[in-house]
Amino acid sequence: MELAYYSDLAVRLVNSEEPGRGTDTLTSVDAVRALFGESQQAARRATDADVTRLRSVRARLRAVFEAAAGGDEVLAVDLLNALLIEFPVSPQISGHETRDDDGRPKWHMHIADYAANAGAGYAATASMGLAFHLTELGADRLGICEASPCRNAYLDTSTNRSRRYCSDRCATRANVAAYRARKRLDAERSADAERSRRQDRERTGRTADTAQETSPATDR
């Protein structure tokens, strides 16, 4: 469903903060306006109060992603439903694009923004988009990046539901870290094996020396 693309707004908001790195870009009206992307009309309504509003919504959306990534679909749905109740949407039919064949409008569903403020409008649109994404593709498509210290949210659109990282950069960093960890483990195992062999040789040598010392002298 086309409304699912609004879910990118949820990802964009959640990832405006990186708790593992201690960074937060949602600190000004300009930052709020940047979240809206191409929706300049909605962005122009933003005020200082929307920074606080969206920070609160951000924490709640992150909780949805974390619940889904942790396998608790019921909790993820409950948290998302709470947002949908608090920030309702007004869907409408839009036809701002035309078909190639006959020139008639290409009708599709659109979420109209009649919210009292920019933050509420953003929250409503992001929550509804995430709800469509979850119901159409599954809660397991909502993920949290596994590359430490990154904890960015992402939407898994892979064909085999195999995505684990928010970006190619994080995937590469995680793979390099895993490779280095395996090399360290192999080196430690080799060192342990060599230490064990050396101890065995030392024990064998001491046993041989003891045997020679305690054996009776041969009569001549």
N, C-alpha and C. Protein backbone atom coordinates (compact mmCIF):
# COMPACT_ATOMS: atom_id res chain seq x y z
N MET A 1 0.84 -1.19 0.00
CA MET A 1 0.00 0.00 0.00
C MET A 1 0.88 1.24 0.00
N GLU A 2 0.44 2.28 -0.76
CA GLU A 2 1.28 3.46 -0.92
C GLU A 2 1.51 4.22 0.38
N LEU A 3 0.54 4.16 1.30
CA LEU A 3 0.69 4.89 2.55
C LEU A 3 1.87 4.40 3.36
N ALA A 4 2.38 3.20 3.05
CA ALA A 4 3.50 2.66 3.81
C ALA A 4 4.75 3.53 3.69
N TYR A 5 4.85 4.32 2.61
CA TYR A 5 6.07 5.10 2.45
C TYR A 5 6.18 6.20 3.51
N TYR A 6 5.08 6.54 4.17
CA TYR A 6 5.14 7.51 5.26
C TYR A 6 5.95 6.97 6.43
N SER A 7 6.17 5.67 6.46
CA SER A 7 6.94 5.08 7.56
C SER A 7 8.37 5.61 7.61
N ASP A 8 8.86 6.12 6.48
CA ASP A 8 10.21 6.70 6.47
C ASP A 8 10.29 7.90 7.41
N LEU A 9 9.16 8.58 7.62
CA LEU A 9 9.16 9.70 8.55
C LEU A 9 9.45 9.22 9.97
N ALA A 10 8.93 8.04 10.31
CA ALA A 10 9.18 7.48 11.64
C ALA A 10 10.67 7.16 11.80
N VAL A 11 11.26 6.55 10.79
CA VAL A 11 12.69 6.22 10.83
C VAL A 11 13.53 7.48 10.95
N ARG A 12 13.16 8.48 10.16
CA ARG A 12 13.91 9.74 10.16
C ARG A 12 13.88 10.39 11.54
N LEU A 13 12.73 10.37 12.18
CA LEU A 13 12.61 10.98 13.51
C LEU A 13 13.39 10.19 14.55
N VAL A 14 13.22 8.87 14.57
CA VAL A 14 13.92 8.04 15.55
C VAL A 14 15.42 8.21 15.43
N ASN A 15 15.92 8.27 14.21
CA ASN A 15 17.35 8.33 13.99
C ASN A 15 17.94 9.73 14.11
N SER A 16 17.10 10.70 14.51
CA SER A 16 17.65 12.03 14.79
C SER A 16 18.43 12.02 16.10
N GLU A 17 18.31 10.92 16.84
CA GLU A 17 19.09 10.73 18.06
C GLU A 17 19.83 9.41 17.98
N GLU A 18 21.09 9.40 18.41
CA GLU A 18 21.87 8.17 18.48
C GLU A 18 22.34 8.00 19.92
N PRO A 19 21.54 7.31 20.74
CA PRO A 19 21.87 7.17 22.17
C PRO A 19 23.24 6.57 22.42
N GLY A 20 23.63 5.60 21.61
CA GLY A 20 24.92 4.95 21.81
C GLY A 20 26.10 5.87 21.61
N ARG A 21 25.90 6.88 20.78
CA ARG A 21 26.97 7.85 20.52
C ARG A 21 26.76 9.16 21.27
N GLY A 22 25.62 9.29 21.94
CA GLY A 22 25.34 10.50 22.69
C GLY A 22 25.08 11.71 21.82
N THR A 23 24.52 11.52 20.62
CA THR A 23 24.26 12.63 19.72
C THR A 23 22.76 12.83 19.53
N ASP A 24 22.37 14.07 19.30
CA ASP A 24 20.97 14.42 19.09
C ASP A 24 20.93 15.63 18.17
N THR A 25 20.36 15.46 16.98
CA THR A 25 20.29 16.56 16.02
C THR A 25 18.98 17.32 16.10
N LEU A 26 18.03 16.82 16.89
CA LEU A 26 16.73 17.48 17.00
C LEU A 26 16.81 18.54 18.10
N THR A 27 17.43 19.67 17.76
CA THR A 27 17.69 20.69 18.77
C THR A 27 17.17 22.07 18.39
N SER A 28 16.54 22.20 17.22
CA SER A 28 16.10 23.53 16.78
C SER A 28 14.91 23.42 15.84
N VAL A 29 14.30 24.57 15.56
CA VAL A 29 13.19 24.60 14.61
C VAL A 29 13.67 24.18 13.22
N ASP A 30 14.87 24.59 12.86
CA ASP A 30 15.42 24.19 11.55
C ASP A 30 15.55 22.67 11.45
N ALA A 31 15.92 22.04 12.56
CA ALA A 31 16.04 20.58 12.57
C ALA A 31 14.66 19.94 12.39
N VAL A 32 13.65 20.52 13.01
CA VAL A 32 12.28 20.02 12.85
C VAL A 32 11.85 20.15 11.39
N ARG A 33 12.10 21.30 10.81
CA ARG A 33 11.73 21.54 9.42
C ARG A 33 12.45 20.58 8.47
N ALA A 34 13.70 20.25 8.80
CA ALA A 34 14.46 19.33 7.95
C ALA A 34 13.84 17.94 7.96
N LEU A 35 13.18 17.55 9.06
CA LEU A 35 12.55 16.23 9.14
C LEU A 35 11.43 16.08 8.12
N PHE A 36 10.75 17.17 7.81
CA PHE A 36 9.61 17.09 6.90
C PHE A 36 10.03 16.84 5.46
N GLY A 37 11.28 17.08 5.14
CA GLY A 37 11.74 16.83 3.78
C GLY A 37 11.07 17.74 2.77
N GLU A 38 10.38 17.14 1.80
CA GLU A 38 9.77 17.91 0.71
C GLU A 38 8.47 18.59 1.12
N SER A 39 7.94 18.26 2.26
CA SER A 39 6.67 18.85 2.71
C SER A 39 6.92 20.22 3.30
N GLN A 40 7.23 21.19 2.44
CA GLN A 40 7.60 22.51 2.91
C GLN A 40 6.46 23.25 3.58
N GLN A 41 5.23 23.05 3.11
CA GLN A 41 4.09 23.74 3.70
C GLN A 41 3.92 23.36 5.17
N ALA A 42 4.02 22.06 5.46
CA ALA A 42 3.91 21.62 6.84
C ALA A 42 5.11 22.10 7.66
N ALA A 43 6.28 22.11 7.05
CA ALA A 43 7.48 22.52 7.76
C ALA A 43 7.43 23.97 8.19
N ARG A 44 6.78 24.82 7.40
CA ARG A 44 6.72 26.24 7.72
C ARG A 44 5.92 26.51 8.99
N ARG A 45 5.11 25.55 9.41
CA ARG A 45 4.31 25.73 10.63
C ARG A 45 5.09 25.43 11.90
N ALA A 46 6.28 24.90 11.77
CA ALA A 46 7.05 24.46 12.94
C ALA A 46 7.45 25.63 13.83
N THR A 47 7.42 25.36 15.13
CA THR A 47 7.85 26.35 16.13
C THR A 47 8.79 25.68 17.12
N ASP A 48 9.29 26.46 18.06
CA ASP A 48 10.19 25.91 19.08
C ASP A 48 9.51 24.80 19.89
N ALA A 49 8.20 24.93 20.10
CA ALA A 49 7.48 23.94 20.89
C ALA A 49 7.49 22.57 20.23
N ASP A 50 7.63 22.53 18.90
CA ASP A 50 7.62 21.25 18.19
C ASP A 50 8.89 20.45 18.44
N VAL A 51 9.95 21.08 18.86
CA VAL A 51 11.17 20.35 19.21
C VAL A 51 10.87 19.41 20.38
N THR A 52 10.25 19.95 21.42
CA THR A 52 9.90 19.14 22.58
C THR A 52 8.85 18.09 22.23
N ARG A 53 7.85 18.49 21.45
CA ARG A 53 6.79 17.54 21.07
C ARG A 53 7.38 16.34 20.33
N LEU A 54 8.22 16.61 19.37
CA LEU A 54 8.75 15.52 18.55
C LEU A 54 9.78 14.69 19.29
N ARG A 55 10.47 15.26 20.24
CA ARG A 55 11.39 14.45 21.07
C ARG A 55 10.61 13.42 21.86
N SER A 56 9.46 13.81 22.37
CA SER A 56 8.61 12.87 23.11
C SER A 56 8.10 11.76 22.20
N VAL A 57 7.64 12.14 21.01
CA VAL A 57 7.15 11.14 20.05
C VAL A 57 8.29 10.23 19.60
N ARG A 58 9.47 10.81 19.46
CA ARG A 58 10.64 10.03 19.04
C ARG A 58 10.92 8.89 19.99
N ALA A 59 10.88 9.16 21.29
CA ALA A 59 11.13 8.11 22.28
C ALA A 59 10.08 7.01 22.18
N ARG A 60 8.85 7.37 21.91
CA ARG A 60 7.78 6.38 21.82
C ARG A 60 7.89 5.56 20.54
N LEU A 61 8.29 6.19 19.46
CA LEU A 61 8.49 5.44 18.21
C LEU A 61 9.68 4.49 18.32
N ARG A 62 10.73 4.93 19.00
CA ARG A 62 11.88 4.04 19.20
C ARG A 62 11.46 2.81 19.99
N ALA A 63 10.59 3.01 20.97
CA ALA A 63 10.10 1.88 21.76
C ALA A 63 9.36 0.89 20.89
N VAL A 64 8.65 1.38 19.87
CA VAL A 64 7.95 0.49 18.93
C VAL A 64 8.97 -0.36 18.17
N PHE A 65 10.01 0.28 17.64
CA PHE A 65 11.05 -0.43 16.90
C PHE A 65 11.77 -1.44 17.79
N GLU A 66 12.07 -1.04 19.01
CA GLU A 66 12.81 -1.94 19.90
C GLU A 66 11.96 -3.15 20.29
N ALA A 67 10.67 -2.94 20.52
CA ALA A 67 9.79 -4.05 20.83
C ALA A 67 9.70 -5.02 19.66
N ALA A 68 9.54 -4.47 18.46
CA ALA A 68 9.45 -5.32 17.26
C ALA A 68 10.75 -6.07 17.03
N ALA A 69 11.89 -5.37 17.17
CA ALA A 69 13.19 -6.01 16.96
C ALA A 69 13.45 -7.08 18.02
N GLY A 70 12.88 -6.91 19.20
CA GLY A 70 13.04 -7.89 20.26
C GLY A 70 12.06 -9.04 20.18
N GLY A 71 11.21 -9.04 19.17
CA GLY A 71 10.27 -10.15 18.98
C GLY A 71 8.96 -10.00 19.71
N ASP A 72 8.73 -8.87 20.37
CA ASP A 72 7.47 -8.66 21.10
C ASP A 72 6.51 -7.87 20.21
N GLU A 73 5.85 -8.57 19.30
CA GLU A 73 4.95 -7.92 18.35
C GLU A 73 3.75 -7.28 19.04
N VAL A 74 3.23 -7.94 20.05
CA VAL A 74 2.05 -7.42 20.74
C VAL A 74 2.36 -6.07 21.38
N LEU A 75 3.51 -5.98 22.04
CA LEU A 75 3.90 -4.72 22.66
C LEU A 75 4.10 -3.64 21.60
N ALA A 76 4.74 -4.00 20.49
CA ALA A 76 4.96 -3.03 19.41
C ALA A 76 3.63 -2.49 18.89
N VAL A 77 2.67 -3.36 18.71
CA VAL A 77 1.36 -2.94 18.22
C VAL A 77 0.65 -2.08 19.25
N ASP A 78 0.72 -2.46 20.51
CA ASP A 78 0.07 -1.68 21.57
C ASP A 78 0.65 -0.26 21.64
N LEU A 79 1.97 -0.17 21.56
CA LEU A 79 2.62 1.13 21.62
C LEU A 79 2.24 1.99 20.41
N LEU A 80 2.16 1.34 19.26
CA LEU A 80 1.82 2.08 18.04
C LEU A 80 0.35 2.49 18.04
N ASN A 81 -0.50 1.63 18.54
CA ASN A 81 -1.92 1.97 18.64
C ASN A 81 -2.14 3.18 19.55
N ALA A 82 -1.37 3.26 20.62
CA ALA A 82 -1.48 4.40 21.53
C ALA A 82 -1.14 5.71 20.81
N LEU A 83 -0.14 5.66 19.94
CA LEU A 83 0.22 6.84 19.15
C LEU A 83 -0.88 7.18 18.15
N LEU A 84 -1.46 6.17 17.52
CA LEU A 84 -2.52 6.40 16.54
C LEU A 84 -3.75 7.03 17.19
N ILE A 85 -4.05 6.62 18.42
CA ILE A 85 -5.19 7.19 19.14
C ILE A 85 -4.91 8.65 19.49
N GLU A 86 -3.70 8.92 19.94
CA GLU A 86 -3.35 10.27 20.36
C GLU A 86 -3.18 11.22 19.17
N PHE A 87 -2.70 10.67 18.05
CA PHE A 87 -2.46 11.49 16.87
C PHE A 87 -3.23 10.92 15.68
N PRO A 88 -4.54 11.16 15.60
CA PRO A 88 -5.34 10.62 14.51
C PRO A 88 -5.02 11.31 13.18
N VAL A 89 -5.34 10.64 12.09
CA VAL A 89 -5.06 11.18 10.76
C VAL A 89 -6.37 11.39 10.00
N SER A 90 -6.27 12.17 8.92
CA SER A 90 -7.41 12.43 8.06
C SER A 90 -7.04 12.02 6.64
N PRO A 91 -7.34 10.78 6.25
CA PRO A 91 -6.99 10.34 4.89
C PRO A 91 -7.88 10.99 3.85
N GLN A 92 -7.33 11.21 2.67
CA GLN A 92 -8.12 11.73 1.56
C GLN A 92 -7.54 11.21 0.25
N ILE A 93 -8.36 11.27 -0.78
CA ILE A 93 -7.92 10.82 -2.10
C ILE A 93 -7.23 11.97 -2.82
N SER A 94 -6.06 11.69 -3.34
CA SER A 94 -5.29 12.71 -4.05
C SER A 94 -5.01 12.24 -5.48
N GLY A 95 -4.90 13.19 -6.40
CA GLY A 95 -4.62 12.84 -7.80
C GLY A 95 -3.69 13.84 -8.45
N HIS A 96 -2.59 14.15 -7.77
CA HIS A 96 -1.68 15.16 -8.31
C HIS A 96 -0.75 14.61 -9.39
N GLU A 97 -0.82 13.31 -9.66
CA GLU A 97 -0.06 12.71 -10.75
C GLU A 97 -1.03 12.26 -11.84
N THR A 98 -0.55 12.11 -13.06
CA THR A 98 -1.40 11.66 -14.17
C THR A 98 -0.87 10.37 -14.76
N ARG A 99 -1.79 9.59 -15.32
CA ARG A 99 -1.41 8.35 -15.98
C ARG A 99 -0.79 8.66 -17.34
N ASP A 100 0.05 7.74 -17.80
CA ASP A 100 0.71 7.96 -19.09
C ASP A 100 -0.22 7.74 -20.27
N ASP A 101 -1.21 6.84 -20.10
CA ASP A 101 -2.00 6.44 -21.25
C ASP A 101 -3.12 7.41 -21.61
N ASP A 102 -3.91 7.85 -20.63
CA ASP A 102 -5.07 8.67 -20.96
C ASP A 102 -5.06 10.06 -20.32
N GLY A 103 -4.03 10.38 -19.55
CA GLY A 103 -3.95 11.70 -18.96
C GLY A 103 -4.84 11.93 -17.77
N ARG A 104 -5.58 10.94 -17.35
CA ARG A 104 -6.44 11.10 -16.17
C ARG A 104 -5.60 11.06 -14.89
N PRO A 105 -6.12 11.63 -13.82
CA PRO A 105 -5.36 11.62 -12.55
C PRO A 105 -5.08 10.21 -12.08
N LYS A 106 -3.95 10.02 -11.46
CA LYS A 106 -3.60 8.75 -10.84
C LYS A 106 -4.01 8.85 -9.38
N TRP A 107 -5.19 8.35 -9.08
CA TRP A 107 -5.73 8.49 -7.73
C TRP A 107 -4.99 7.59 -6.74
N HIS A 108 -4.74 8.14 -5.58
CA HIS A 108 -4.11 7.36 -4.53
C HIS A 108 -4.47 7.98 -3.18
N MET A 109 -4.28 7.21 -2.12
CA MET A 109 -4.59 7.69 -0.79
C MET A 109 -3.46 8.59 -0.28
N HIS A 110 -3.88 9.63 0.39
CA HIS A 110 -2.94 10.61 0.92
C HIS A 110 -3.39 10.97 2.33
N ILE A 111 -2.45 11.23 3.21
CA ILE A 111 -2.79 11.64 4.58
C ILE A 111 -2.79 13.15 4.66
N ALA A 112 -3.95 13.73 4.86
CA ALA A 112 -4.07 15.18 4.95
C ALA A 112 -3.62 15.65 6.32
N ASP A 113 -3.03 16.84 6.36
CA ASP A 113 -2.51 17.38 7.61
C ASP A 113 -3.44 18.47 8.13
N TYR A 114 -4.31 18.08 9.05
CA TYR A 114 -5.20 19.05 9.70
C TYR A 114 -4.88 19.15 11.18
N ALA A 115 -3.70 18.75 11.58
CA ALA A 115 -3.33 18.77 12.99
C ALA A 115 -3.18 20.20 13.50
N ALA A 116 -3.26 20.32 14.82
CA ALA A 116 -3.20 21.65 15.44
C ALA A 116 -1.82 22.28 15.34
N ASN A 117 -0.78 21.47 15.22
CA ASN A 117 0.57 21.99 15.12
C ASN A 117 1.42 21.05 14.27
N ALA A 118 2.60 21.52 13.92
CA ALA A 118 3.47 20.75 13.02
C ALA A 118 3.91 19.43 13.65
N GLY A 119 4.22 19.46 14.94
CA GLY A 119 4.67 18.24 15.61
C GLY A 119 3.60 17.17 15.62
N ALA A 120 2.36 17.56 15.91
CA ALA A 120 1.27 16.59 15.93
C ALA A 120 1.00 16.05 14.53
N GLY A 121 1.12 16.91 13.53
CA GLY A 121 0.93 16.45 12.16
C GLY A 121 1.99 15.45 11.74
N TYR A 122 3.23 15.72 12.12
CA TYR A 122 4.32 14.80 11.80
C TYR A 122 4.11 13.48 12.51
N ALA A 123 3.75 13.53 13.79
CA ALA A 123 3.54 12.31 14.58
C ALA A 123 2.43 11.46 13.98
N ALA A 124 1.34 12.10 13.57
CA ALA A 124 0.21 11.38 12.99
C ALA A 124 0.60 10.68 11.70
N THR A 125 1.30 11.40 10.83
CA THR A 125 1.69 10.84 9.54
C THR A 125 2.71 9.70 9.72
N ALA A 126 3.71 9.92 10.57
CA ALA A 126 4.74 8.91 10.80
C ALA A 126 4.14 7.65 11.42
N SER A 127 3.25 7.83 12.39
CA SER A 127 2.65 6.68 13.07
C SER A 127 1.77 5.88 12.12
N MET A 128 0.97 6.57 11.31
CA MET A 128 0.11 5.86 10.37
C MET A 128 0.95 5.13 9.32
N GLY A 129 2.01 5.76 8.83
CA GLY A 129 2.87 5.10 7.86
C GLY A 129 3.50 3.85 8.44
N LEU A 130 3.95 3.94 9.69
CA LEU A 130 4.57 2.78 10.34
C LEU A 130 3.54 1.69 10.57
N ALA A 131 2.31 2.08 10.87
CA ALA A 131 1.23 1.10 11.07
C ALA A 131 0.94 0.34 9.78
N PHE A 132 0.90 1.04 8.66
CA PHE A 132 0.69 0.36 7.39
C PHE A 132 1.85 -0.56 7.05
N HIS A 133 3.06 -0.09 7.33
CA HIS A 133 4.24 -0.93 7.06
C HIS A 133 4.19 -2.20 7.89
N LEU A 134 3.85 -2.06 9.16
CA LEU A 134 3.79 -3.22 10.05
C LEU A 134 2.71 -4.21 9.62
N THR A 135 1.54 -3.71 9.29
CA THR A 135 0.43 -4.62 8.95
C THR A 135 0.60 -5.24 7.58
N GLU A 136 1.23 -4.52 6.66
CA GLU A 136 1.40 -5.04 5.31
C GLU A 136 2.57 -6.01 5.21
N LEU A 137 3.67 -5.72 5.93
CA LEU A 137 4.90 -6.51 5.77
C LEU A 137 5.27 -7.33 7.00
N GLY A 138 4.74 -6.97 8.15
CA GLY A 138 5.04 -7.72 9.37
C GLY A 138 5.87 -6.93 10.35
N ALA A 139 5.67 -7.20 11.63
CA ALA A 139 6.40 -6.49 12.68
C ALA A 139 7.89 -6.78 12.63
N ASP A 140 8.25 -7.96 12.12
CA ASP A 140 9.68 -8.31 12.06
C ASP A 140 10.43 -7.50 11.01
N ARG A 141 9.72 -6.66 10.28
CA ARG A 141 10.38 -5.77 9.31
C ARG A 141 10.84 -4.47 9.96
N LEU A 142 10.53 -4.30 11.24
CA LEU A 142 10.99 -3.13 11.97
C LEU A 142 12.22 -3.55 12.77
N GLY A 143 13.35 -2.93 12.51
CA GLY A 143 14.57 -3.38 13.15
C GLY A 143 15.38 -2.28 13.81
N ILE A 144 16.29 -2.71 14.67
CA ILE A 144 17.27 -1.84 15.31
C ILE A 144 18.65 -2.35 14.91
N CYS A 145 19.49 -1.45 14.43
CA CYS A 145 20.82 -1.84 13.93
C CYS A 145 21.61 -2.59 14.99
N GLU A 146 22.22 -3.69 14.58
CA GLU A 146 22.98 -4.54 15.50
C GLU A 146 24.46 -4.16 15.57
N ALA A 147 24.87 -3.17 14.80
CA ALA A 147 26.27 -2.76 14.81
C ALA A 147 26.52 -1.80 15.97
N SER A 148 27.28 -2.25 16.95
CA SER A 148 27.58 -1.40 18.11
C SER A 148 28.55 -0.28 17.70
N PRO A 149 28.36 0.96 18.19
CA PRO A 149 27.34 1.41 19.14
C PRO A 149 26.07 1.91 18.49
N CYS A 150 25.93 1.74 17.20
CA CYS A 150 24.76 2.25 16.49
C CYS A 150 23.49 1.53 16.95
N ARG A 151 22.44 2.31 17.15
CA ARG A 151 21.13 1.74 17.50
C ARG A 151 20.05 2.39 16.64
N ASN A 152 20.41 2.70 15.39
CA ASN A 152 19.46 3.32 14.48
C ASN A 152 18.34 2.36 14.12
N ALA A 153 17.18 2.93 13.87
CA ALA A 153 16.04 2.14 13.41
C ALA A 153 16.11 1.98 11.89
N TYR A 154 15.53 0.92 11.40
CA TYR A 154 15.46 0.73 9.95
C TYR A 154 14.24 -0.11 9.60
N LEU A 155 13.84 -0.06 8.34
CA LEU A 155 12.74 -0.86 7.81
C LEU A 155 13.34 -1.90 6.88
N ASP A 156 13.13 -3.15 7.19
CA ASP A 156 13.69 -4.24 6.40
C ASP A 156 12.82 -4.49 5.18
N THR A 157 13.34 -4.19 4.00
CA THR A 157 12.61 -4.44 2.76
C THR A 157 13.27 -5.54 1.93
N SER A 158 14.18 -6.30 2.55
CA SER A 158 14.85 -7.39 1.84
C SER A 158 13.86 -8.51 1.52
N THR A 159 14.16 -9.28 0.50
CA THR A 159 13.25 -10.33 0.09
C THR A 159 13.20 -11.49 1.07
N ASN A 160 14.28 -11.72 1.79
CA ASN A 160 14.33 -12.86 2.72
C ASN A 160 14.36 -12.44 4.19
N ARG A 161 13.97 -11.21 4.48
CA ARG A 161 13.89 -10.71 5.85
C ARG A 161 15.22 -10.90 6.60
N SER A 162 16.31 -10.61 5.93
CA SER A 162 17.62 -10.92 6.51
C SER A 162 18.39 -9.68 6.99
N ARG A 163 17.81 -8.51 6.83
CA ARG A 163 18.55 -7.30 7.18
C ARG A 163 18.80 -7.22 8.68
N ARG A 164 20.01 -6.80 9.06
CA ARG A 164 20.37 -6.68 10.47
C ARG A 164 20.98 -5.32 10.80
N TYR A 165 21.28 -4.53 9.77
CA TYR A 165 21.96 -3.26 9.99
C TYR A 165 21.23 -2.13 9.26
N CYS A 166 21.43 -0.91 9.75
CA CYS A 166 20.71 0.22 9.19
C CYS A 166 21.32 0.72 7.89
N SER A 167 22.57 0.37 7.63
CA SER A 167 23.25 0.87 6.44
C SER A 167 24.38 -0.07 6.04
N ASP A 168 24.87 0.11 4.81
CA ASP A 168 26.02 -0.69 4.35
C ASP A 168 27.25 -0.38 5.20
N ARG A 169 27.36 0.86 5.65
CA ARG A 169 28.51 1.25 6.47
C ARG A 169 28.53 0.46 7.76
N CYS A 170 27.36 0.36 8.41
CA CYS A 170 27.30 -0.39 9.67
C CYS A 170 27.52 -1.89 9.42
N ALA A 171 26.99 -2.39 8.30
CA ALA A 171 27.18 -3.80 7.98
C ALA A 171 28.66 -4.10 7.78
N THR A 172 29.36 -3.22 7.08
CA THR A 172 30.80 -3.41 6.86
C THR A 172 31.56 -3.35 8.17
N ARG A 173 31.22 -2.37 9.02
CA ARG A 173 31.91 -2.23 10.30
C ARG A 173 31.69 -3.46 11.17
N ALA A 174 30.46 -3.97 11.17
CA ALA A 174 30.15 -5.16 11.97
C ALA A 174 30.89 -6.38 11.45
N ASN A 175 30.95 -6.51 10.12
CA ASN A 175 31.65 -7.66 9.53
C ASN A 175 33.14 -7.61 9.83
N VAL A 176 33.73 -6.40 9.76
CA VAL A 176 35.15 -6.25 10.07
C VAL A 176 35.39 -6.58 11.54
N ALA A 177 34.52 -6.10 12.42
CA ALA A 177 34.66 -6.37 13.86
C ALA A 177 34.54 -7.87 14.14
N ALA A 178 33.60 -8.53 13.45
CA ALA A 178 33.42 -9.97 13.64
C ALA A 178 34.64 -10.73 13.13
N TYR A 179 35.20 -10.29 12.00
CA TYR A 179 36.40 -10.93 11.45
C TYR A 179 37.57 -10.79 12.42
N ARG A 180 37.75 -9.60 12.95
CA ARG A 180 38.86 -9.38 13.89
C ARG A 180 38.66 -10.19 15.16
N ALA A 181 37.41 -10.31 15.60
CA ALA A 181 37.13 -11.11 16.79
C ALA A 181 37.46 -12.58 16.55
N ARG A 182 37.12 -13.07 15.35
CA ARG A 182 37.46 -14.47 15.02
C ARG A 182 38.96 -14.66 14.96
N LYS A 183 39.68 -13.69 14.39
CA LYS A 183 41.14 -13.80 14.32
C LYS A 183 41.75 -13.81 15.72
N ARG A 184 41.23 -12.95 16.62
CA ARG A 184 41.74 -12.95 17.99
C ARG A 184 41.46 -14.28 18.67
N LEU A 185 40.26 -14.82 18.44
CA LEU A 185 39.90 -16.09 19.05
C LEU A 185 40.79 -17.21 18.52
N ASP A 186 41.03 -17.21 17.21
CA ASP A 186 41.91 -18.22 16.62
C ASP A 186 43.32 -18.11 17.19
N ALA A 187 43.80 -16.86 17.34
CA ALA A 187 45.14 -16.65 17.89
C ALA A 187 45.22 -17.13 19.33
N GLU A 188 44.17 -16.85 20.10
CA GLU A 188 44.15 -17.30 21.50
C GLU A 188 44.10 -18.82 21.58
N ARG A 189 43.31 -19.44 20.70
CA ARG A 189 43.24 -20.90 20.70
C ARG A 189 44.58 -21.52 20.30
N SER A 190 45.25 -20.90 19.31
CA SER A 190 46.56 -21.40 18.90
C SER A 190 47.57 -21.27 20.02
N ALA A 191 47.50 -20.13 20.72
CA ALA A 191 48.42 -19.90 21.84
C ALA A 191 48.15 -20.91 22.95
N ASP A 192 46.89 -21.17 23.22
CA ASP A 192 46.53 -22.14 24.26
C ASP A 192 47.00 -23.54 23.87
N ALA A 193 46.83 -23.88 22.59
CA ALA A 193 47.25 -25.20 22.12
C ALA A 193 48.76 -25.35 22.22
N GLU A 194 49.49 -24.30 21.83
CA GLU A 194 50.95 -24.34 21.91
C GLU A 194 51.40 -24.42 23.37
N ARG A 195 50.73 -23.70 24.25
CA ARG A 195 51.06 -23.74 25.66
C ARG A 195 50.82 -25.14 26.22
N SER A 196 49.73 -25.76 25.79
CA SER A 196 49.40 -27.11 26.25
C SER A 196 50.44 -28.11 25.76
N ARG A 197 50.85 -27.97 24.49
CA ARG A 197 51.88 -28.88 23.96
C ARG A 197 53.19 -28.71 24.69
N ARG A 198 53.57 -27.48 24.99
CA ARG A 198 54.82 -27.22 25.69
C ARG A 198 54.77 -27.82 27.09
N GLN A 199 53.64 -27.68 27.75
CA GLN A 199 53.50 -28.26 29.09
C GLN A 199 53.57 -29.78 29.03
N ASP A 200 53.00 -30.36 27.98
CA ASP A 200 53.06 -31.81 27.83
C ASP A 200 54.50 -32.27 27.63
N ARG A 201 55.23 -31.51 26.80
CA ARG A 201 56.63 -31.88 26.57
C ARG A 201 57.43 -31.77 27.86
N GLU A 202 57.15 -30.72 28.64
CA GLU A 202 57.88 -30.55 29.90
C GLU A 202 57.56 -31.67 30.87
N ARG A 203 56.28 -32.07 30.93
CA ARG A 203 55.91 -33.17 31.82
C ARG A 203 56.54 -34.48 31.36
N THR A 204 56.57 -34.68 30.05
CA THR A 204 57.19 -35.90 29.50
C THR A 204 58.68 -35.93 29.83
N GLY A 205 59.34 -34.77 29.70
CA GLY A 205 60.76 -34.70 30.00
C GLY A 205 61.05 -34.97 31.46
N ARG A 206 60.23 -34.39 32.35
CA ARG A 206 60.44 -34.61 33.77
C ARG A 206 60.20 -36.07 34.14
N THR A 207 59.21 -36.69 33.49
CA THR A 207 58.93 -38.11 33.77
C THR A 207 60.11 -38.97 33.35
N ALA A 208 60.69 -38.66 32.19
CA ALA A 208 61.83 -39.43 31.70
C ALA A 208 63.04 -39.27 32.63
N ASP A 209 63.26 -38.03 33.07
CA ASP A 209 64.40 -37.80 33.98
C ASP A 209 64.20 -38.56 35.29
N THR A 210 62.99 -38.55 35.80
CA THR A 210 62.71 -39.25 37.05
C THR A 210 62.91 -40.75 36.89
N ALA A 211 62.50 -41.26 35.74
CA ALA A 211 62.65 -42.69 35.49
C ALA A 211 64.11 -43.08 35.46
N GLN A 212 64.95 -42.22 34.87
CA GLN A 212 66.38 -42.52 34.80
C GLN A 212 67.00 -42.48 36.19
N GLU A 213 66.57 -41.54 37.00
CA GLU A 213 67.16 -41.40 38.34
C GLU A 213 66.80 -42.56 39.25
N THR A 214 65.62 -43.11 39.06
CA THR A 214 65.16 -44.17 39.98
C THR A 214 65.44 -45.56 39.46
N SER A 215 65.90 -45.71 38.22
CA SER A 215 66.17 -47.06 37.71
C SER A 215 67.44 -47.62 38.36
N PRO A 216 67.50 -49.00 38.69
CA PRO A 216 68.68 -49.59 39.36
C PRO A 216 69.88 -49.65 38.42
N ALA A 217 71.05 -49.54 39.01
CA ALA A 217 72.28 -49.59 38.20
C ALA A 217 72.48 -51.00 37.67
N THR A 218 73.00 -51.13 36.47
CA THR A 218 73.22 -52.43 35.84
C THR A 218 74.52 -53.05 36.38
N ASP A 219 74.47 -54.38 36.82
CA ASP A 219 75.66 -55.08 37.32
C ASP A 219 76.66 -55.26 36.20
N ARG A 220 77.90 -55.12 36.53
CA ARG A 220 78.94 -55.32 35.54
C ARG A 220 79.85 -56.44 35.99
